[in-house]
Amino acid sequence: MRAAVNKDIWQQIFGDHWQPPPEVVLVAAAAALVVVLVNGLWRPARNVITIVHEAGHAVVAVLAGRRLAGIRLHSDTSGVTLSRGKADGPGMVCTALAGYVAPSVLGLVFAALLAADRVTAVLVVCGILLFAVLVVVRNAYGVFSVVLTGVVLFAVSWLAPDRIQAGFAYLIAWFLLVGGVRPVVELQAKRSRGQAPESDADQLARLTGAPGFFWVGAFTMINIGALLLAVGWLLL
């Protein structure tokens, strides 16, 4: 009986699902682009990018053998992930590198799942990610931001019909892919005005000796590369 239940759950998550028509995929892409380009929409939506950004730092820190101390998310859409361990070396470099590329990399993973018609898997991964971040968030606004995002995800996942769930999953993937690029542009704009001396790029510069602009370029190339690859999977 237990094996049958487990098989059914596995099938629900990773089995084939309703595939939306191409116009739904295009509408989701257009909606994500509008959200990223329109400042009034981007400001609240950017909290989602920050959650994934800080989760990227946290996951890589743990994988690198560092001790995770917590995540803080702020109302200005900034965030910080605190970990303990060696102050330099490959582990710290990878941890600092992970943040700005995390949304695009996760979006690419979701694009691969959607190309394989795994809509539910995308929603389940989102839920697991949000729960994991909630466990390690250490401030009130961070808890509020993660819980609010989780409520939206839960409402769509449990109450919406299959076609809405599929469209929402595509919207998530497109938003992460397109939304992963804008923060890098904003980062360089702040750096050019001397407003981000402790940014991930500048931390990487101190850790490696390569200039901060090199790391901004690396973030840009990785994120645009992920977007272009995902376009091929989602539209072709």
C-alpha atoms as a PDB file:
ATOM      1  CA  MET A   1       0.000   0.000   0.000  1.00  0.00           C
ATOM      2  CA  ARG A   2       2.760   2.448   0.968  1.00  0.00           C
ATOM      3  CA  ALA A   3       4.659   1.682  -2.229  1.00  0.00           C
ATOM      4  CA  ALA A   4       1.520   2.385  -4.262  1.00  0.00           C
ATOM      5  CA  VAL A   5       0.974   5.700  -2.465  1.00  0.00           C
ATOM      6  CA  ASN A   6       4.597   6.704  -2.993  1.00  0.00           C
ATOM      7  CA  LYS A   7       4.338   5.794  -6.671  1.00  0.00           C
ATOM      8  CA  ASP A   8       1.185   7.887  -7.006  1.00  0.00           C
ATOM      9  CA  ILE A   9       2.850  10.902  -5.376  1.00  0.00           C
ATOM     10  CA  TRP A  10       5.898  10.486  -7.603  1.00  0.00           C
ATOM     11  CA  GLN A  11       3.628  10.324 -10.647  1.00  0.00           C
ATOM     12  CA  GLN A  12       1.756  13.446  -9.527  1.00  0.00           C
ATOM     13  CA  ILE A  13       4.999  15.405  -9.279  1.00  0.00           C
ATOM     14  CA  PHE A  14       7.116  14.026 -12.088  1.00  0.00           C
ATOM     15  CA  GLY A  15       4.559  12.476 -14.421  1.00  0.00           C
ATOM     16  CA  ASP A  16       3.347  14.051 -17.644  1.00  0.00           C
ATOM     17  CA  HIS A  17       1.057  17.057 -17.256  1.00  0.00           C
ATOM     18  CA  TRP A  18      -1.141  19.257 -19.386  1.00  0.00           C
ATOM     19  CA  GLN A  19       1.030  21.193 -21.794  1.00  0.00           C
ATOM     20  CA  PRO A  20      -0.219  24.730 -22.507  1.00  0.00           C
ATOM     21  CA  PRO A  21      -0.476  25.939 -26.107  1.00  0.00           C
ATOM     22  CA  PRO A  22       2.367  28.106 -27.453  1.00  0.00           C
ATOM     23  CA  GLU A  23       0.402  31.321 -26.977  1.00  0.00           C
ATOM     24  CA  VAL A  24       0.225  30.728 -23.215  1.00  0.00           C
ATOM     25  CA  VAL A  25       4.003  30.343 -23.087  1.00  0.00           C
ATOM     26  CA  LEU A  26       4.417  33.575 -25.052  1.00  0.00           C
ATOM     27  CA  VAL A  27       1.948  35.457 -22.850  1.00  0.00           C
ATOM     28  CA  ALA A  28       3.826  34.271 -19.751  1.00  0.00           C
ATOM     29  CA  ALA A  29       7.091  35.494 -21.300  1.00  0.00           C
ATOM     30  CA  ALA A  30       5.561  38.868 -22.157  1.00  0.00           C
ATOM     31  CA  ALA A  31       4.085  39.214 -18.664  1.00  0.00           C
ATOM     32  CA  ALA A  32       7.442  38.449 -17.055  1.00  0.00           C
ATOM     33  CA  LEU A  33       9.134  41.022 -19.288  1.00  0.00           C
ATOM     34  CA  VAL A  34       6.583  43.685 -18.340  1.00  0.00           C
ATOM     35  CA  VAL A  35       7.031  42.968 -14.641  1.00  0.00           C
ATOM     36  CA  VAL A  36      10.804  43.314 -14.943  1.00  0.00           C
ATOM     37  CA  LEU A  37      10.746  46.488 -17.066  1.00  0.00           C
ATOM     38  CA  VAL A  38       7.984  48.446 -15.304  1.00  0.00           C
ATOM     39  CA  ASN A  39       9.416  49.910 -12.106  1.00  0.00           C
ATOM     40  CA  GLY A  40       6.106  49.903 -10.232  1.00  0.00           C
ATOM     41  CA  LEU A  41       5.771  46.162 -10.788  1.00  0.00           C
ATOM     42  CA  TRP A  42       9.453  45.351 -10.498  1.00  0.00           C
ATOM     43  CA  ARG A  43       9.882  46.768  -6.995  1.00  0.00           C
ATOM     44  CA  PRO A  44       7.565  44.292  -5.186  1.00  0.00           C
ATOM     45  CA  ALA A  45       8.378  41.424  -7.556  1.00  0.00           C
ATOM     46  CA  ARG A  46      12.091  41.905  -6.942  1.00  0.00           C
ATOM     47  CA  ASN A  47      11.591  40.425  -3.475  1.00  0.00           C
ATOM     48  CA  VAL A  48      11.233  37.039  -5.165  1.00  0.00           C
ATOM     49  CA  ILE A  49      14.563  37.526  -6.943  1.00  0.00           C
ATOM     50  CA  THR A  50      16.153  38.474  -3.611  1.00  0.00           C
ATOM     51  CA  ILE A  51      14.803  35.319  -1.960  1.00  0.00           C
ATOM     52  CA  VAL A  52      16.383  33.172  -4.681  1.00  0.00           C
ATOM     53  CA  HIS A  53      19.577  35.250  -4.642  1.00  0.00           C
ATOM     54  CA  GLU A  54      20.084  34.709  -0.917  1.00  0.00           C
ATOM     55  CA  ALA A  55      19.037  31.064  -1.176  1.00  0.00           C
ATOM     56  CA  GLY A  56      21.786  30.630  -3.767  1.00  0.00           C
ATOM     57  CA  HIS A  57      24.364  32.009  -1.341  1.00  0.00           C
ATOM     58  CA  ALA A  58      23.018  29.761   1.419  1.00  0.00           C
ATOM     59  CA  VAL A  59      22.950  26.532  -0.600  1.00  0.00           C
ATOM     60  CA  VAL A  60      26.475  26.984  -1.944  1.00  0.00           C
ATOM     61  CA  ALA A  61      27.784  28.002   1.480  1.00  0.00           C
ATOM     62  CA  VAL A  62      26.480  24.762   2.969  1.00  0.00           C
ATOM     63  CA  LEU A  63      27.816  22.700   0.051  1.00  0.00           C
ATOM     64  CA  ALA A  64      31.212  24.383   0.527  1.00  0.00           C
ATOM     65  CA  GLY A  65      31.297  23.269   4.149  1.00  0.00           C
ATOM     66  CA  ARG A  66      30.495  26.625   5.692  1.00  0.00           C
ATOM     67  CA  ARG A  67      28.129  26.994   8.641  1.00  0.00           C
ATOM     68  CA  LEU A  68      24.971  28.876   7.708  1.00  0.00           C
ATOM     69  CA  ALA A  69      24.038  31.517  10.298  1.00  0.00           C
ATOM     70  CA  GLY A  70      20.901  32.859   8.620  1.00  0.00           C
ATOM     71  CA  ILE A  71      19.311  35.019   5.949  1.00  0.00           C
ATOM     72  CA  ARG A  72      17.925  38.527   6.292  1.00  0.00           C
ATOM     73  CA  LEU A  73      15.612  40.086   3.697  1.00  0.00           C
ATOM     74  CA  HIS A  74      14.973  43.828   3.750  1.00  0.00           C
ATOM     75  CA  SER A  75      12.094  46.033   2.583  1.00  0.00           C
ATOM     76  CA  ASP A  76      14.364  47.796   0.063  1.00  0.00           C
ATOM     77  CA  THR A  77      14.642  44.373  -1.675  1.00  0.00           C
ATOM     78  CA  SER A  78      18.231  43.891  -0.524  1.00  0.00           C
ATOM     79  CA  GLY A  79      19.320  40.915   1.534  1.00  0.00           C
ATOM     80  CA  VAL A  80      22.243  39.304   3.265  1.00  0.00           C
ATOM     81  CA  THR A  81      23.257  35.714   3.956  1.00  0.00           C
ATOM     82  CA  LEU A  82      25.545  35.108   6.893  1.00  0.00           C
ATOM     83  CA  SER A  83      27.775  32.056   7.101  1.00  0.00           C
ATOM     84  CA  ARG A  84      30.759  31.103   9.204  1.00  0.00           C
ATOM     85  CA  GLY A  85      33.954  29.561   7.953  1.00  0.00           C
ATOM     86  CA  LYS A  86      37.223  30.408   6.292  1.00  0.00           C
ATOM     87  CA  ALA A  87      37.256  34.026   5.121  1.00  0.00           C
ATOM     88  CA  ASP A  88      38.866  33.184   1.790  1.00  0.00           C
ATOM     89  CA  GLY A  89      39.521  30.261  -0.526  1.00  0.00           C
ATOM     90  CA  PRO A  90      37.392  28.445  -3.127  1.00  0.00           C
ATOM     91  CA  GLY A  91      34.446  27.904  -0.784  1.00  0.00           C
ATOM     92  CA  MET A  92      34.063  31.601  -0.081  1.00  0.00           C
ATOM     93  CA  VAL A  93      34.537  32.488  -3.759  1.00  0.00           C
ATOM     94  CA  CYS A  94      31.800  30.068  -4.822  1.00  0.00           C
ATOM     95  CA  THR A  95      29.499  31.358  -2.087  1.00  0.00           C
ATOM     96  CA  ALA A  96      29.944  34.971  -3.191  1.00  0.00           C
ATOM     97  CA  LEU A  97      29.529  34.022  -6.848  1.00  0.00           C
ATOM     98  CA  ALA A  98      26.264  32.133  -6.335  1.00  0.00           C
ATOM     99  CA  GLY A  99      23.882  34.971  -5.489  1.00  0.00           C
ATOM    100  CA  TYR A 100      23.556  36.936  -8.716  1.00  0.00           C
ATOM    101  CA  VAL A 101      23.442  33.829 -10.888  1.00  0.00           C
ATOM    102  CA  ALA A 102      21.031  31.833  -8.716  1.00  0.00           C
ATOM    103  CA  PRO A 103      17.756  33.195 -10.196  1.00  0.00           C
ATOM    104  CA  SER A 104      18.890  32.547 -13.765  1.00  0.00           C
ATOM    105  CA  VAL A 105      20.243  29.087 -12.959  1.00  0.00           C
ATOM    106  CA  LEU A 106      17.019  28.149 -11.166  1.00  0.00           C
ATOM    107  CA  GLY A 107      15.017  29.553 -14.072  1.00  0.00           C
ATOM    108  CA  LEU A 108      17.050  27.389 -16.435  1.00  0.00           C
ATOM    109  CA  VAL A 109      16.318  24.306 -14.312  1.00  0.00           C
ATOM    110  CA  PHE A 110      12.620  25.175 -14.399  1.00  0.00           C
ATOM    111  CA  ALA A 111      12.785  25.647 -18.173  1.00  0.00           C
ATOM    112  CA  ALA A 112      14.230  22.144 -18.493  1.00  0.00           C
ATOM    113  CA  LEU A 113      11.426  20.730 -16.341  1.00  0.00           C
ATOM    114  CA  LEU A 114       8.759  22.572 -18.322  1.00  0.00           C
ATOM    115  CA  ALA A 115      10.258  21.434 -21.614  1.00  0.00           C
ATOM    116  CA  ALA A 116       9.725  17.913 -20.261  1.00  0.00           C
ATOM    117  CA  ASP A 117       6.113  18.757 -19.247  1.00  0.00           C
ATOM    118  CA  ARG A 118       6.898  18.663 -15.516  1.00  0.00           C
ATOM    119  CA  VAL A 119       4.709  21.545 -14.361  1.00  0.00           C
ATOM    120  CA  THR A 120       3.993  20.189 -10.876  1.00  0.00           C
ATOM    121  CA  ALA A 121       7.692  19.580 -10.277  1.00  0.00           C
ATOM    122  CA  VAL A 122       8.340  23.310 -10.769  1.00  0.00           C
ATOM    123  CA  LEU A 123       5.691  24.239  -8.202  1.00  0.00           C
ATOM    124  CA  VAL A 124       6.931  21.623  -5.725  1.00  0.00           C
ATOM    125  CA  VAL A 125      10.535  22.825  -6.011  1.00  0.00           C
ATOM    126  CA  CYS A 126       9.334  26.386  -5.387  1.00  0.00           C
ATOM    127  CA  GLY A 127       7.505  25.240  -2.271  1.00  0.00           C
ATOM    128  CA  ILE A 128      10.527  23.362  -0.931  1.00  0.00           C
ATOM    129  CA  LEU A 129      12.786  26.345  -1.602  1.00  0.00           C
ATOM    130  CA  LEU A 130      10.453  28.756   0.198  1.00  0.00           C
ATOM    131  CA  PHE A 131      10.132  26.460   3.208  1.00  0.00           C
ATOM    132  CA  ALA A 132      13.903  26.032   3.437  1.00  0.00           C
ATOM    133  CA  VAL A 133      14.438  29.800   3.288  1.00  0.00           C
ATOM    134  CA  LEU A 134      11.722  30.386   5.886  1.00  0.00           C
ATOM    135  CA  VAL A 135      13.545  28.099   8.329  1.00  0.00           C
ATOM    136  CA  VAL A 136      16.732  30.181   8.155  1.00  0.00           C
ATOM    137  CA  VAL A 137      15.282  33.707   7.829  1.00  0.00           C
ATOM    138  CA  ARG A 138      16.219  35.821  10.831  1.00  0.00           C
ATOM    139  CA  ASN A 139      14.115  39.001  10.545  1.00  0.00           C
ATOM    140  CA  ALA A 140      10.418  39.899  10.516  1.00  0.00           C
ATOM    141  CA  TYR A 141      10.281  41.398   7.035  1.00  0.00           C
ATOM    142  CA  GLY A 142      12.051  38.335   5.670  1.00  0.00           C
ATOM    143  CA  VAL A 143       9.433  36.056   7.233  1.00  0.00           C
ATOM    144  CA  PHE A 144       6.637  38.245   5.849  1.00  0.00           C
ATOM    145  CA  SER A 145       8.149  38.252   2.332  1.00  0.00           C
ATOM    146  CA  VAL A 146       8.637  34.483   2.225  1.00  0.00           C
ATOM    147  CA  VAL A 147       5.208  33.713   3.717  1.00  0.00           C
ATOM    148  CA  LEU A 148       3.433  36.059   1.299  1.00  0.00           C
ATOM    149  CA  THR A 149       5.212  34.448  -1.645  1.00  0.00           C
ATOM    150  CA  GLY A 150       4.291  31.035  -0.268  1.00  0.00           C
ATOM    151  CA  VAL A 151       0.620  31.982   0.064  1.00  0.00           C
ATOM    152  CA  VAL A 152       0.481  32.980  -3.607  1.00  0.00           C
ATOM    153  CA  LEU A 153       2.213  29.745  -4.602  1.00  0.00           C
ATOM    154  CA  PHE A 154      -0.121  27.658  -2.421  1.00  0.00           C
ATOM    155  CA  ALA A 155      -3.240  29.354  -3.778  1.00  0.00           C
ATOM    156  CA  VAL A 156      -2.286  28.667  -7.382  1.00  0.00           C
ATOM    157  CA  SER A 157      -0.996  25.155  -6.731  1.00  0.00           C
ATOM    158  CA  TRP A 158      -4.057  23.961  -4.818  1.00  0.00           C
ATOM    159  CA  LEU A 159      -6.967  26.058  -6.045  1.00  0.00           C
ATOM    160  CA  ALA A 160      -6.282  26.882  -9.692  1.00  0.00           C
ATOM    161  CA  PRO A 161      -7.089  24.557 -12.602  1.00  0.00           C
ATOM    162  CA  ASP A 162      -4.319  22.809 -14.504  1.00  0.00           C
ATOM    163  CA  ARG A 163      -4.060  25.409 -17.259  1.00  0.00           C
ATOM    164  CA  ILE A 164      -3.601  28.228 -14.732  1.00  0.00           C
ATOM    165  CA  GLN A 165      -0.984  26.206 -12.858  1.00  0.00           C
ATOM    166  CA  ALA A 166       0.885  25.592 -16.104  1.00  0.00           C
ATOM    167  CA  GLY A 167       0.785  29.258 -17.074  1.00  0.00           C
ATOM    168  CA  PHE A 168       1.946  30.233 -13.589  1.00  0.00           C
ATOM    169  CA  ALA A 169       4.851  27.771 -13.750  1.00  0.00           C
ATOM    170  CA  TYR A 170       5.942  29.273 -17.081  1.00  0.00           C
ATOM    171  CA  LEU A 171       5.599  32.761 -15.610  1.00  0.00           C
ATOM    172  CA  ILE A 172       7.886  31.757 -12.724  1.00  0.00           C
ATOM    173  CA  ALA A 173      10.517  30.378 -15.091  1.00  0.00           C
ATOM    174  CA  TRP A 174      10.429  33.409 -17.392  1.00  0.00           C
ATOM    175  CA  PHE A 175      10.482  35.831 -14.482  1.00  0.00           C
ATOM    176  CA  LEU A 176      13.547  34.203 -12.929  1.00  0.00           C
ATOM    177  CA  LEU A 177      15.340  34.164 -16.275  1.00  0.00           C
ATOM    178  CA  VAL A 178      14.534  37.748 -17.281  1.00  0.00           C
ATOM    179  CA  GLY A 179      14.551  39.057 -13.717  1.00  0.00           C
ATOM    180  CA  GLY A 180      17.984  37.592 -13.119  1.00  0.00           C
ATOM    181  CA  VAL A 181      19.511  40.061 -15.581  1.00  0.00           C
ATOM    182  CA  ARG A 182      18.186  43.378 -14.248  1.00  0.00           C
ATOM    183  CA  PRO A 183      19.814  43.180 -10.765  1.00  0.00           C
ATOM    184  CA  VAL A 184      23.224  42.852 -12.422  1.00  0.00           C
ATOM    185  CA  VAL A 185      22.571  46.022 -14.416  1.00  0.00           C
ATOM    186  CA  GLU A 186      21.430  47.761 -11.216  1.00  0.00           C
ATOM    187  CA  LEU A 187      24.531  46.491  -9.422  1.00  0.00           C
ATOM    188  CA  GLN A 188      26.904  48.030 -11.947  1.00  0.00           C
ATOM    189  CA  ALA A 189      24.952  51.301 -11.891  1.00  0.00           C
ATOM    190  CA  LYS A 190      25.398  51.471  -8.114  1.00  0.00           C
ATOM    191  CA  ARG A 191      29.072  50.522  -8.369  1.00  0.00           C
ATOM    192  CA  SER A 192      29.674  53.279 -10.899  1.00  0.00           C
ATOM    193  CA  ARG A 193      28.335  55.775  -8.333  1.00  0.00           C
ATOM    194  CA  GLY A 194      30.375  54.258  -5.511  1.00  0.00           C
ATOM    195  CA  GLN A 195      27.232  53.056  -3.706  1.00  0.00           C
ATOM    196  CA  ALA A 196      27.985  49.340  -3.440  1.00  0.00           C
ATOM    197  CA  PRO A 197      31.487  48.891  -1.980  1.00  0.00           C
ATOM    198  CA  GLU A 198      30.498  45.624  -0.291  1.00  0.00           C
ATOM    199  CA  SER A 199      28.703  44.081  -3.258  1.00  0.00           C
ATOM    200  CA  ASP A 200      29.258  40.461  -4.243  1.00  0.00           C
ATOM    201  CA  ALA A 201      31.375  41.632  -7.205  1.00  0.00           C
ATOM    202  CA  ASP A 202      33.632  43.701  -4.952  1.00  0.00           C
ATOM    203  CA  GLN A 203      33.923  40.881  -2.430  1.00  0.00           C
ATOM    204  CA  LEU A 204      34.969  38.590  -5.272  1.00  0.00           C
ATOM    205  CA  ALA A 205      37.493  41.205  -6.385  1.00  0.00           C
ATOM    206  CA  ARG A 206      39.098  41.168  -2.952  1.00  0.00           C
ATOM    207  CA  LEU A 207      39.017  37.384  -2.799  1.00  0.00           C
ATOM    208  CA  THR A 208      40.480  36.730  -6.240  1.00  0.00           C
ATOM    209  CA  GLY A 209      42.316  39.863  -7.366  1.00  0.00           C
ATOM    210  CA  ALA A 210      40.181  40.103 -10.519  1.00  0.00           C
ATOM    211  CA  PRO A 211      38.444  43.494 -10.750  1.00  0.00           C
ATOM    212  CA  GLY A 212      34.824  43.890  -9.721  1.00  0.00           C
ATOM    213  CA  PHE A 213      33.802  44.778 -13.271  1.00  0.00           C
ATOM    214  CA  PHE A 214      35.112  41.379 -14.394  1.00  0.00           C
ATOM    215  CA  TRP A 215      32.723  39.692 -12.001  1.00  0.00           C
ATOM    216  CA  VAL A 216      29.816  41.862 -13.087  1.00  0.00           C
ATOM    217  CA  GLY A 217      30.617  40.745 -16.637  1.00  0.00           C
ATOM    218  CA  ALA A 218      30.696  37.122 -15.494  1.00  0.00           C
ATOM    219  CA  PHE A 219      27.277  37.473 -13.847  1.00  0.00           C
ATOM    220  CA  THR A 220      25.936  39.040 -17.039  1.00  0.00           C
ATOM    221  CA  MET A 221      27.312  36.357 -19.351  1.00  0.00           C
ATOM    222  CA  ILE A 222      26.017  33.515 -17.182  1.00  0.00           C
ATOM    223  CA  ASN A 223      22.550  35.029 -16.823  1.00  0.00           C
ATOM    224  CA  ILE A 224      22.143  35.965 -20.481  1.00  0.00           C
ATOM    225  CA  GLY A 225      23.490  32.556 -21.484  1.00  0.00           C
ATOM    226  CA  ALA A 226      20.902  30.858 -19.267  1.00  0.00           C
ATOM    227  CA  LEU A 227      18.147  33.011 -20.778  1.00  0.00           C
ATOM    228  CA  LEU A 228      19.153  32.236 -24.367  1.00  0.00           C
ATOM    229  CA  LEU A 229      19.410  28.516 -23.657  1.00  0.00           C
ATOM    230  CA  ALA A 230      16.032  28.519 -21.929  1.00  0.00           C
ATOM    231  CA  VAL A 231      14.399  30.327 -24.856  1.00  0.00           C
ATOM    232  CA  GLY A 232      15.435  27.429 -27.052  1.00  0.00           C
ATOM    233  CA  TRP A 233      13.858  24.937 -24.667  1.00  0.00           C
ATOM    234  CA  LEU A 234      10.640  26.824 -24.014  1.00  0.00           C
ATOM    235  CA  LEU A 235       9.820  28.194 -27.453  1.00  0.00           C
ATOM    236  CA  LEU A 236      11.388  25.884 -30.029  1.00  0.00           C
END
